[in-house]
Amino acid sequence: MSNELLIGLVSISDRAASGVYEDKGIPALQEWFAAALTSPWRLESRLIPDEQSVIENTLIELCDSVGCHLVLTTGGTGPAPRDVTPEATLAVAHKVMPGFGEQMRAVSLKYVPTAILSRQVGVIRGSTLILNLPGQPKAIKETLDGVFAAVPYCIDLIGGPFIETNEAVVKAFRPKSALAGRHP
């Protein structure tokens, strides 16, 4: 097994996908990971419209065919009629990880009262963790800063590579028993 973390990034936006404006979600995620990860990683990115079947097929492709260990979506988690990212994510899930959605909303509530409108979810499909993030770069960073500490251990538990982080950005948390035999 490779020790390289393969991250799938999916920006979900009708307007960005059709070229009306430039996607800012994927660049924000790339910047965050460049600062946060110290172990080997690479990205696979997709820019797609708010269409549930397209979102589902993209998530399945990144998990099952591409073999991503972690897939992050941006956008489409609000209450608007075209916001169907959580429905698509749940439709392809094998396990729901409710703590991620709860924590992402809790983090966002520190910054904006409208965080209660978010319907973000975290799920596992096979050996991939999928998280729905907000669409705005500032909110993406705040959310990742608040939840990523738990991601490396989750990836460990589902069979992915050992992820090491820049503790100045985010400190990965693992129980002491999970670190036995690991040499940094």
N, C-alpha and C. Protein backbone atom coordinates (compact mmCIF):
# COMPACT_ATOMS: atom_id res chain seq x y z
N MET A 1 0.84 -1.19 0.00
CA MET A 1 0.00 0.00 0.00
C MET A 1 0.88 1.25 0.00
N SER A 2 0.54 2.19 -0.82
CA SER A 2 1.26 3.45 -0.88
C SER A 2 0.98 4.26 0.38
N ASN A 3 1.97 5.04 0.80
CA ASN A 3 1.75 5.90 1.96
C ASN A 3 1.30 7.29 1.52
N GLU A 4 0.98 7.45 0.24
CA GLU A 4 0.53 8.73 -0.28
C GLU A 4 -0.98 8.86 -0.10
N LEU A 5 -1.41 9.94 0.52
CA LEU A 5 -2.83 10.23 0.70
C LEU A 5 -3.38 10.76 -0.62
N LEU A 6 -4.43 10.14 -1.11
CA LEU A 6 -5.08 10.61 -2.33
C LEU A 6 -6.38 11.30 -1.93
N ILE A 7 -6.46 12.60 -2.22
CA ILE A 7 -7.59 13.43 -1.82
C ILE A 7 -8.38 13.82 -3.06
N GLY A 8 -9.67 13.56 -3.02
CA GLY A 8 -10.57 14.01 -4.07
C GLY A 8 -11.24 15.30 -3.66
N LEU A 9 -11.19 16.29 -4.52
CA LEU A 9 -11.85 17.58 -4.25
C LEU A 9 -12.94 17.78 -5.29
N VAL A 10 -14.15 18.05 -4.82
CA VAL A 10 -15.29 18.23 -5.72
C VAL A 10 -15.95 19.55 -5.40
N SER A 11 -15.83 20.50 -6.33
CA SER A 11 -16.52 21.77 -6.17
C SER A 11 -17.85 21.67 -6.91
N ILE A 12 -18.93 21.94 -6.19
CA ILE A 12 -20.27 21.76 -6.73
C ILE A 12 -20.94 23.11 -6.86
N SER A 13 -21.08 23.56 -8.11
CA SER A 13 -21.66 24.88 -8.37
C SER A 13 -22.11 24.96 -9.82
N ASP A 14 -23.39 25.23 -10.01
CA ASP A 14 -23.90 25.41 -11.38
C ASP A 14 -23.14 26.51 -12.10
N ARG A 15 -23.00 27.66 -11.42
CA ARG A 15 -22.40 28.83 -12.08
C ARG A 15 -20.91 28.66 -12.35
N ALA A 16 -20.17 28.09 -11.40
CA ALA A 16 -18.74 27.88 -11.64
C ALA A 16 -18.53 26.81 -12.71
N ALA A 17 -19.35 25.75 -12.67
CA ALA A 17 -19.21 24.68 -13.66
C ALA A 17 -19.51 25.16 -15.07
N SER A 18 -20.39 26.17 -15.19
CA SER A 18 -20.73 26.68 -16.52
C SER A 18 -19.87 27.88 -16.92
N GLY A 19 -18.90 28.25 -16.08
CA GLY A 19 -17.98 29.33 -16.41
C GLY A 19 -18.47 30.73 -16.10
N VAL A 20 -19.59 30.86 -15.37
CA VAL A 20 -20.11 32.19 -15.02
C VAL A 20 -19.15 32.91 -14.08
N TYR A 21 -18.55 32.16 -13.15
CA TYR A 21 -17.50 32.73 -12.31
C TYR A 21 -16.48 31.66 -11.99
N GLU A 22 -15.34 32.12 -11.51
CA GLU A 22 -14.22 31.22 -11.21
C GLU A 22 -14.47 30.47 -9.91
N ASP A 23 -14.21 29.17 -9.92
CA ASP A 23 -14.32 28.38 -8.71
C ASP A 23 -13.25 28.81 -7.72
N LYS A 24 -13.64 29.04 -6.47
CA LYS A 24 -12.67 29.40 -5.44
C LYS A 24 -12.52 28.29 -4.40
N GLY A 25 -13.40 27.28 -4.44
CA GLY A 25 -13.36 26.20 -3.45
C GLY A 25 -12.14 25.32 -3.58
N ILE A 26 -11.87 24.84 -4.79
CA ILE A 26 -10.72 23.93 -4.98
C ILE A 26 -9.40 24.64 -4.68
N PRO A 27 -9.17 25.87 -5.17
CA PRO A 27 -7.92 26.54 -4.79
C PRO A 27 -7.78 26.74 -3.27
N ALA A 28 -8.88 27.02 -2.58
CA ALA A 28 -8.82 27.19 -1.12
C ALA A 28 -8.43 25.88 -0.45
N LEU A 29 -8.97 24.77 -0.93
CA LEU A 29 -8.62 23.47 -0.38
C LEU A 29 -7.17 23.11 -0.66
N GLN A 30 -6.71 23.36 -1.87
CA GLN A 30 -5.31 23.08 -2.22
C GLN A 30 -4.37 23.87 -1.31
N GLU A 31 -4.69 25.12 -1.08
CA GLU A 31 -3.86 25.98 -0.23
C GLU A 31 -3.84 25.45 1.20
N TRP A 32 -5.00 25.04 1.71
CA TRP A 32 -5.08 24.53 3.08
C TRP A 32 -4.24 23.27 3.23
N PHE A 33 -4.39 22.32 2.31
CA PHE A 33 -3.63 21.07 2.40
C PHE A 33 -2.14 21.30 2.24
N ALA A 34 -1.74 22.24 1.40
CA ALA A 34 -0.31 22.54 1.23
C ALA A 34 0.30 23.00 2.55
N ALA A 35 -0.47 23.74 3.34
CA ALA A 35 0.02 24.22 4.63
C ALA A 35 -0.12 23.17 5.73
N ALA A 36 -1.14 22.32 5.66
CA ALA A 36 -1.48 21.44 6.77
C ALA A 36 -0.80 20.07 6.76
N LEU A 37 -0.54 19.52 5.58
CA LEU A 37 -0.02 18.15 5.53
C LEU A 37 1.49 18.10 5.38
N THR A 38 2.13 17.21 6.13
CA THR A 38 3.58 17.03 6.00
C THR A 38 3.90 15.66 5.41
N SER A 39 2.93 14.75 5.39
CA SER A 39 3.14 13.45 4.76
C SER A 39 2.75 13.55 3.28
N PRO A 40 3.16 12.58 2.46
CA PRO A 40 2.90 12.66 1.01
C PRO A 40 1.41 12.65 0.68
N TRP A 41 1.02 13.48 -0.30
CA TRP A 41 -0.37 13.56 -0.73
C TRP A 41 -0.44 14.09 -2.15
N ARG A 42 -1.58 13.79 -2.79
CA ARG A 42 -1.86 14.39 -4.10
C ARG A 42 -3.37 14.53 -4.25
N LEU A 43 -3.77 15.33 -5.23
CA LEU A 43 -5.17 15.68 -5.41
C LEU A 43 -5.73 15.22 -6.74
N GLU A 44 -7.00 14.91 -6.73
CA GLU A 44 -7.83 14.70 -7.92
C GLU A 44 -8.97 15.68 -7.76
N SER A 45 -9.20 16.58 -8.70
CA SER A 45 -10.28 17.55 -8.51
C SER A 45 -11.30 17.49 -9.64
N ARG A 46 -12.53 17.87 -9.29
CA ARG A 46 -13.64 17.91 -10.22
C ARG A 46 -14.46 19.17 -9.95
N LEU A 47 -14.95 19.80 -11.01
CA LEU A 47 -15.84 20.95 -10.91
C LEU A 47 -17.12 20.55 -11.63
N ILE A 48 -18.21 20.44 -10.87
CA ILE A 48 -19.45 19.89 -11.43
C ILE A 48 -20.66 20.75 -11.03
N PRO A 49 -21.77 20.63 -11.76
CA PRO A 49 -22.99 21.36 -11.43
C PRO A 49 -23.76 20.71 -10.28
N ASP A 50 -24.72 21.45 -9.75
CA ASP A 50 -25.60 20.97 -8.67
C ASP A 50 -26.66 20.02 -9.23
N GLU A 51 -26.22 18.85 -9.64
CA GLU A 51 -27.13 17.82 -10.15
C GLU A 51 -26.88 16.57 -9.33
N GLN A 52 -27.91 16.08 -8.64
CA GLN A 52 -27.70 14.97 -7.72
C GLN A 52 -27.05 13.76 -8.39
N SER A 53 -27.50 13.38 -9.57
CA SER A 53 -26.93 12.19 -10.21
C SER A 53 -25.47 12.41 -10.59
N VAL A 54 -25.12 13.63 -11.00
CA VAL A 54 -23.72 13.94 -11.34
C VAL A 54 -22.85 13.89 -10.09
N ILE A 55 -23.37 14.43 -9.00
CA ILE A 55 -22.62 14.41 -7.73
C ILE A 55 -22.42 12.97 -7.28
N GLU A 56 -23.48 12.17 -7.29
CA GLU A 56 -23.36 10.77 -6.89
C GLU A 56 -22.34 10.02 -7.75
N ASN A 57 -22.43 10.18 -9.05
CA ASN A 57 -21.49 9.48 -9.95
C ASN A 57 -20.06 9.93 -9.75
N THR A 58 -19.86 11.22 -9.48
CA THR A 58 -18.52 11.75 -9.23
C THR A 58 -17.95 11.18 -7.94
N LEU A 59 -18.76 11.13 -6.89
CA LEU A 59 -18.30 10.58 -5.61
C LEU A 59 -17.96 9.10 -5.76
N ILE A 60 -18.81 8.35 -6.45
CA ILE A 60 -18.56 6.93 -6.67
C ILE A 60 -17.26 6.74 -7.46
N GLU A 61 -17.07 7.54 -8.50
CA GLU A 61 -15.84 7.45 -9.31
C GLU A 61 -14.60 7.71 -8.44
N LEU A 62 -14.62 8.79 -7.66
CA LEU A 62 -13.45 9.14 -6.85
C LEU A 62 -13.16 8.09 -5.78
N CYS A 63 -14.20 7.49 -5.21
CA CYS A 63 -14.02 6.47 -4.17
C CYS A 63 -13.64 5.12 -4.78
N ASP A 64 -14.44 4.65 -5.71
CA ASP A 64 -14.32 3.27 -6.19
C ASP A 64 -13.31 3.09 -7.32
N SER A 65 -13.25 4.03 -8.25
CA SER A 65 -12.34 3.89 -9.40
C SER A 65 -10.99 4.54 -9.18
N VAL A 66 -11.01 5.80 -8.72
CA VAL A 66 -9.76 6.54 -8.52
C VAL A 66 -9.05 6.07 -7.25
N GLY A 67 -9.81 5.66 -6.24
CA GLY A 67 -9.22 5.15 -5.00
C GLY A 67 -8.83 6.21 -3.99
N CYS A 68 -9.58 7.31 -3.96
CA CYS A 68 -9.29 8.37 -2.98
C CYS A 68 -9.52 7.85 -1.56
N HIS A 69 -8.68 8.31 -0.65
CA HIS A 69 -8.84 7.98 0.77
C HIS A 69 -9.77 8.99 1.45
N LEU A 70 -9.77 10.22 0.92
CA LEU A 70 -10.55 11.32 1.47
C LEU A 70 -11.15 12.08 0.30
N VAL A 71 -12.44 12.36 0.35
CA VAL A 71 -13.09 13.18 -0.66
C VAL A 71 -13.79 14.33 0.05
N LEU A 72 -13.49 15.55 -0.39
CA LEU A 72 -14.12 16.73 0.18
C LEU A 72 -14.93 17.42 -0.90
N THR A 73 -16.18 17.73 -0.55
CA THR A 73 -17.01 18.51 -1.47
C THR A 73 -17.12 19.93 -0.94
N THR A 74 -17.32 20.88 -1.83
CA THR A 74 -17.61 22.25 -1.41
C THR A 74 -18.87 22.69 -2.14
N GLY A 75 -19.76 23.32 -1.40
CA GLY A 75 -20.97 23.87 -1.99
C GLY A 75 -22.14 22.91 -1.98
N GLY A 76 -23.33 23.51 -2.12
CA GLY A 76 -24.55 22.73 -2.26
C GLY A 76 -25.11 22.15 -0.98
N THR A 77 -24.77 22.73 0.18
CA THR A 77 -25.23 22.14 1.44
C THR A 77 -26.30 22.96 2.14
N GLY A 78 -26.76 24.04 1.52
CA GLY A 78 -27.77 24.88 2.15
C GLY A 78 -29.19 24.41 1.89
N PRO A 79 -30.18 25.26 2.19
CA PRO A 79 -31.58 24.88 2.03
C PRO A 79 -32.18 25.21 0.66
N ALA A 80 -31.43 25.83 -0.23
CA ALA A 80 -31.96 26.21 -1.54
C ALA A 80 -32.37 24.98 -2.34
N PRO A 81 -33.33 25.13 -3.24
CA PRO A 81 -33.80 23.97 -4.02
C PRO A 81 -32.69 23.22 -4.77
N ARG A 82 -31.67 23.91 -5.28
CA ARG A 82 -30.60 23.24 -6.03
C ARG A 82 -29.52 22.65 -5.13
N ASP A 83 -29.58 22.88 -3.83
CA ASP A 83 -28.59 22.36 -2.90
C ASP A 83 -28.89 20.90 -2.57
N VAL A 84 -28.20 19.98 -3.26
CA VAL A 84 -28.48 18.54 -3.10
C VAL A 84 -27.23 17.73 -2.75
N THR A 85 -26.16 18.41 -2.37
CA THR A 85 -24.93 17.69 -2.03
C THR A 85 -25.12 16.67 -0.91
N PRO A 86 -25.79 17.03 0.21
CA PRO A 86 -25.97 16.03 1.27
C PRO A 86 -26.78 14.82 0.81
N GLU A 87 -27.82 15.05 0.02
CA GLU A 87 -28.63 13.93 -0.48
C GLU A 87 -27.79 12.99 -1.34
N ALA A 88 -26.97 13.57 -2.22
CA ALA A 88 -26.10 12.76 -3.09
C ALA A 88 -25.08 12.00 -2.26
N THR A 89 -24.52 12.66 -1.25
CA THR A 89 -23.50 12.03 -0.40
C THR A 89 -24.11 10.87 0.38
N LEU A 90 -25.27 11.09 0.98
CA LEU A 90 -25.93 10.03 1.73
C LEU A 90 -26.34 8.87 0.83
N ALA A 91 -26.70 9.17 -0.42
CA ALA A 91 -27.13 8.12 -1.35
C ALA A 91 -26.00 7.14 -1.68
N VAL A 92 -24.74 7.59 -1.61
CA VAL A 92 -23.61 6.71 -1.95
C VAL A 92 -22.90 6.18 -0.70
N ALA A 93 -23.38 6.55 0.48
CA ALA A 93 -22.72 6.19 1.74
C ALA A 93 -22.94 4.74 2.13
N HIS A 94 -21.91 4.17 2.75
CA HIS A 94 -22.04 2.86 3.40
C HIS A 94 -22.25 3.05 4.90
N LYS A 95 -21.64 4.10 5.46
CA LYS A 95 -21.80 4.44 6.88
C LYS A 95 -21.92 5.95 7.00
N VAL A 96 -22.80 6.39 7.89
CA VAL A 96 -22.91 7.82 8.18
C VAL A 96 -22.07 8.12 9.42
N MET A 97 -21.32 9.22 9.36
CA MET A 97 -20.49 9.65 10.48
C MET A 97 -21.05 10.98 11.01
N PRO A 98 -22.13 10.94 11.81
CA PRO A 98 -22.83 12.16 12.18
C PRO A 98 -21.99 13.18 12.95
N GLY A 99 -20.96 12.71 13.65
CA GLY A 99 -20.13 13.64 14.41
C GLY A 99 -19.48 14.70 13.54
N PHE A 100 -19.13 14.34 12.30
CA PHE A 100 -18.50 15.33 11.42
C PHE A 100 -19.47 16.47 11.08
N GLY A 101 -20.70 16.13 10.70
CA GLY A 101 -21.68 17.18 10.39
C GLY A 101 -21.96 18.06 11.59
N GLU A 102 -22.12 17.42 12.75
CA GLU A 102 -22.38 18.16 13.98
C GLU A 102 -21.24 19.12 14.28
N GLN A 103 -20.01 18.63 14.18
CA GLN A 103 -18.85 19.47 14.51
C GLN A 103 -18.64 20.57 13.47
N MET A 104 -18.87 20.28 12.19
CA MET A 104 -18.70 21.32 11.17
C MET A 104 -19.68 22.47 11.43
N ARG A 105 -20.92 22.15 11.78
CA ARG A 105 -21.89 23.21 12.09
C ARG A 105 -21.49 23.95 13.37
N ALA A 106 -21.01 23.22 14.38
CA ALA A 106 -20.60 23.86 15.63
C ALA A 106 -19.46 24.84 15.39
N VAL A 107 -18.49 24.44 14.56
CA VAL A 107 -17.37 25.33 14.23
C VAL A 107 -17.90 26.58 13.52
N SER A 108 -18.74 26.39 12.52
CA SER A 108 -19.25 27.52 11.74
C SER A 108 -20.11 28.46 12.58
N LEU A 109 -20.82 27.91 13.57
CA LEU A 109 -21.66 28.76 14.43
C LEU A 109 -20.84 29.78 15.23
N LYS A 110 -19.56 29.50 15.41
CA LYS A 110 -18.70 30.47 16.10
C LYS A 110 -18.54 31.74 15.26
N TYR A 111 -18.75 31.61 13.94
CA TYR A 111 -18.51 32.72 13.03
C TYR A 111 -19.79 33.34 12.47
N VAL A 112 -20.79 32.51 12.17
CA VAL A 112 -22.03 33.03 11.57
C VAL A 112 -23.26 32.30 12.12
N PRO A 113 -24.33 33.05 12.45
CA PRO A 113 -25.55 32.41 12.96
C PRO A 113 -26.26 31.57 11.90
N THR A 114 -25.98 31.81 10.63
CA THR A 114 -26.63 31.04 9.56
C THR A 114 -26.04 29.64 9.39
N ALA A 115 -25.04 29.28 10.20
CA ALA A 115 -24.47 27.93 10.13
C ALA A 115 -25.53 26.87 10.40
N ILE A 116 -26.59 27.24 11.11
CA ILE A 116 -27.65 26.26 11.38
C ILE A 116 -28.42 25.90 10.11
N LEU A 117 -28.22 26.65 9.04
CA LEU A 117 -28.86 26.33 7.76
C LEU A 117 -28.08 25.27 6.97
N SER A 118 -26.87 24.98 7.41
CA SER A 118 -26.03 24.02 6.69
C SER A 118 -26.49 22.59 6.96
N ARG A 119 -26.42 21.78 5.93
CA ARG A 119 -26.83 20.38 6.03
C ARG A 119 -25.66 19.45 5.75
N GLN A 120 -24.45 19.89 6.03
CA GLN A 120 -23.23 19.12 5.77
C GLN A 120 -23.28 17.76 6.45
N VAL A 121 -22.75 16.75 5.75
CA VAL A 121 -22.66 15.41 6.31
C VAL A 121 -21.26 14.86 6.12
N GLY A 122 -20.94 13.87 6.92
CA GLY A 122 -19.72 13.09 6.77
C GLY A 122 -20.12 11.63 6.66
N VAL A 123 -19.54 10.93 5.70
CA VAL A 123 -19.88 9.52 5.49
C VAL A 123 -18.64 8.73 5.11
N ILE A 124 -18.78 7.41 5.16
CA ILE A 124 -17.74 6.52 4.66
C ILE A 124 -18.35 5.70 3.53
N ARG A 125 -17.62 5.62 2.44
CA ARG A 125 -17.97 4.73 1.33
C ARG A 125 -16.76 3.83 1.14
N GLY A 126 -16.92 2.54 1.40
CA GLY A 126 -15.79 1.62 1.29
C GLY A 126 -14.69 2.04 2.23
N SER A 127 -13.54 2.39 1.67
CA SER A 127 -12.40 2.85 2.50
C SER A 127 -12.11 4.32 2.24
N THR A 128 -13.17 5.10 2.00
CA THR A 128 -13.05 6.54 1.75
C THR A 128 -13.92 7.33 2.71
N LEU A 129 -13.35 8.37 3.30
CA LEU A 129 -14.11 9.32 4.11
C LEU A 129 -14.54 10.46 3.19
N ILE A 130 -15.82 10.78 3.19
CA ILE A 130 -16.36 11.89 2.38
C ILE A 130 -16.92 12.93 3.34
N LEU A 131 -16.49 14.18 3.18
CA LEU A 131 -16.99 15.29 3.99
C LEU A 131 -17.53 16.39 3.09
N ASN A 132 -18.69 16.93 3.44
CA ASN A 132 -19.25 18.09 2.74
C ASN A 132 -18.80 19.35 3.47
N LEU A 133 -18.09 20.21 2.75
CA LEU A 133 -17.63 21.47 3.32
C LEU A 133 -18.44 22.63 2.75
N PRO A 134 -18.35 23.79 3.39
CA PRO A 134 -19.01 24.98 2.83
C PRO A 134 -18.35 25.36 1.50
N GLY A 135 -18.92 26.31 0.81
CA GLY A 135 -18.40 26.71 -0.50
C GLY A 135 -17.45 27.89 -0.48
N GLN A 136 -17.51 28.71 0.55
CA GLN A 136 -16.68 29.92 0.59
C GLN A 136 -15.30 29.63 1.18
N PRO A 137 -14.24 30.15 0.56
CA PRO A 137 -12.87 29.87 1.03
C PRO A 137 -12.64 30.11 2.52
N LYS A 138 -13.16 31.22 3.05
CA LYS A 138 -12.96 31.52 4.47
C LYS A 138 -13.63 30.44 5.32
N ALA A 139 -14.84 30.04 4.96
CA ALA A 139 -15.57 29.02 5.71
C ALA A 139 -14.93 27.64 5.54
N ILE A 140 -14.36 27.37 4.37
CA ILE A 140 -13.66 26.10 4.16
C ILE A 140 -12.50 25.99 5.15
N LYS A 141 -11.69 27.04 5.24
CA LYS A 141 -10.54 27.04 6.14
C LYS A 141 -10.98 26.89 7.59
N GLU A 142 -11.98 27.66 8.00
CA GLU A 142 -12.46 27.59 9.38
C GLU A 142 -12.94 26.18 9.72
N THR A 143 -13.68 25.59 8.79
CA THR A 143 -14.23 24.25 9.01
C THR A 143 -13.13 23.20 9.10
N LEU A 144 -12.19 23.23 8.16
CA LEU A 144 -11.09 22.26 8.20
C LEU A 144 -10.25 22.44 9.46
N ASP A 145 -9.99 23.69 9.83
CA ASP A 145 -9.23 23.95 11.05
C ASP A 145 -9.93 23.31 12.25
N GLY A 146 -11.26 23.28 12.22
CA GLY A 146 -12.04 22.79 13.35
C GLY A 146 -12.30 21.28 13.37
N VAL A 147 -12.22 20.60 12.23
CA VAL A 147 -12.55 19.17 12.23
C VAL A 147 -11.43 18.25 11.78
N PHE A 148 -10.41 18.78 11.13
CA PHE A 148 -9.41 17.90 10.52
C PHE A 148 -8.60 17.09 11.53
N ALA A 149 -8.52 17.55 12.77
CA ALA A 149 -7.74 16.81 13.79
C ALA A 149 -8.20 15.35 13.90
N ALA A 150 -9.48 15.08 13.62
CA ALA A 150 -10.02 13.72 13.72
C ALA A 150 -9.88 12.93 12.42
N VAL A 151 -9.59 13.59 11.31
CA VAL A 151 -9.56 12.92 10.01
C VAL A 151 -8.44 11.89 9.90
N PRO A 152 -7.20 12.19 10.29
CA PRO A 152 -6.14 11.19 10.12
C PRO A 152 -6.43 9.86 10.82
N TYR A 153 -6.96 9.90 12.04
CA TYR A 153 -7.27 8.66 12.75
C TYR A 153 -8.42 7.93 12.08
N CYS A 154 -9.41 8.66 11.58
CA CYS A 154 -10.50 8.03 10.85
C CYS A 154 -9.96 7.31 9.61
N ILE A 155 -9.05 7.96 8.89
CA ILE A 155 -8.43 7.35 7.71
C ILE A 155 -7.64 6.10 8.12
N ASP A 156 -6.93 6.17 9.26
CA ASP A 156 -6.24 4.98 9.78
C ASP A 156 -7.22 3.82 9.95
N LEU A 157 -8.35 4.10 10.59
CA LEU A 157 -9.31 3.07 10.95
C LEU A 157 -9.98 2.42 9.74
N ILE A 158 -10.04 3.14 8.61
CA ILE A 158 -10.68 2.56 7.42
C ILE A 158 -9.65 2.06 6.40
N GLY A 159 -8.38 2.01 6.83
CA GLY A 159 -7.36 1.36 6.01
C GLY A 159 -6.53 2.26 5.12
N GLY A 160 -6.56 3.56 5.37
CA GLY A 160 -5.79 4.49 4.54
C GLY A 160 -4.38 4.71 5.07
N PRO A 161 -3.63 5.58 4.40
CA PRO A 161 -2.25 5.85 4.80
C PRO A 161 -2.17 6.68 6.09
N PHE A 162 -1.02 6.61 6.74
CA PHE A 162 -0.77 7.37 7.96
C PHE A 162 -0.54 8.83 7.58
N ILE A 163 -1.40 9.71 8.06
CA ILE A 163 -1.34 11.14 7.71
C ILE A 163 -0.65 11.90 8.82
N GLU A 164 0.34 12.69 8.43
CA GLU A 164 1.01 13.55 9.39
C GLU A 164 0.74 15.00 9.02
N THR A 165 0.60 15.83 10.06
CA THR A 165 0.21 17.23 9.84
C THR A 165 1.24 18.20 10.39
N ASN A 166 1.16 19.42 9.88
CA ASN A 166 1.92 20.54 10.40
C ASN A 166 1.15 21.02 11.63
N GLU A 167 1.69 20.77 12.80
CA GLU A 167 0.97 21.08 14.03
C GLU A 167 0.69 22.57 14.20
N ALA A 168 1.40 23.42 13.49
CA ALA A 168 1.11 24.86 13.55
C ALA A 168 -0.22 25.17 12.85
N VAL A 169 -0.66 24.28 11.97
CA VAL A 169 -1.95 24.46 11.27
C VAL A 169 -3.03 23.65 11.96
N VAL A 170 -2.79 22.34 12.10
CA VAL A 170 -3.74 21.46 12.77
C VAL A 170 -2.97 20.24 13.29
N LYS A 171 -3.26 19.89 14.53
CA LYS A 171 -2.58 18.73 15.13
C LYS A 171 -3.50 17.52 15.02
N ALA A 172 -3.03 16.49 14.32
CA ALA A 172 -3.79 15.25 14.20
C ALA A 172 -3.88 14.61 15.58
N PHE A 173 -5.07 14.16 15.94
CA PHE A 173 -5.25 13.48 17.21
C PHE A 173 -5.42 11.99 16.97
N ARG A 174 -4.65 11.21 17.69
CA ARG A 174 -4.79 9.75 17.71
C ARG A 174 -4.65 9.30 19.16
N PRO A 175 -5.43 8.29 19.55
CA PRO A 175 -5.22 7.73 20.89
C PRO A 175 -3.80 7.19 21.00
N LYS A 176 -3.25 7.19 22.21
CA LYS A 176 -1.88 6.68 22.41
C LYS A 176 -1.73 5.27 21.87
N SER A 177 -2.76 4.43 22.01
CA SER A 177 -2.68 3.05 21.54
C SER A 177 -2.51 2.98 20.01
N ALA A 178 -3.02 3.99 19.31
CA ALA A 178 -2.90 4.00 17.84
C ALA A 178 -1.50 4.39 17.39
N LEU A 179 -0.73 4.99 18.28
CA LEU A 179 0.61 5.43 17.92
C LEU A 179 1.69 4.39 18.25
N ALA A 180 1.29 3.35 18.97
CA ALA A 180 2.25 2.30 19.34
C ALA A 180 2.89 1.71 18.08
N GLY A 181 4.20 1.69 18.05
CA GLY A 181 4.89 1.11 16.91
C GLY A 181 5.13 2.08 15.75
N ARG A 182 4.58 3.28 15.84
CA ARG A 182 4.79 4.30 14.79
C ARG A 182 6.01 5.14 15.17
N HIS A 183 6.85 5.40 14.19
CA HIS A 183 8.02 6.25 14.44
C HIS A 183 7.95 7.45 13.53
N PRO A 184 7.76 8.64 14.12
CA PRO A 184 7.65 9.84 13.28
C PRO A 184 8.93 10.17 12.55
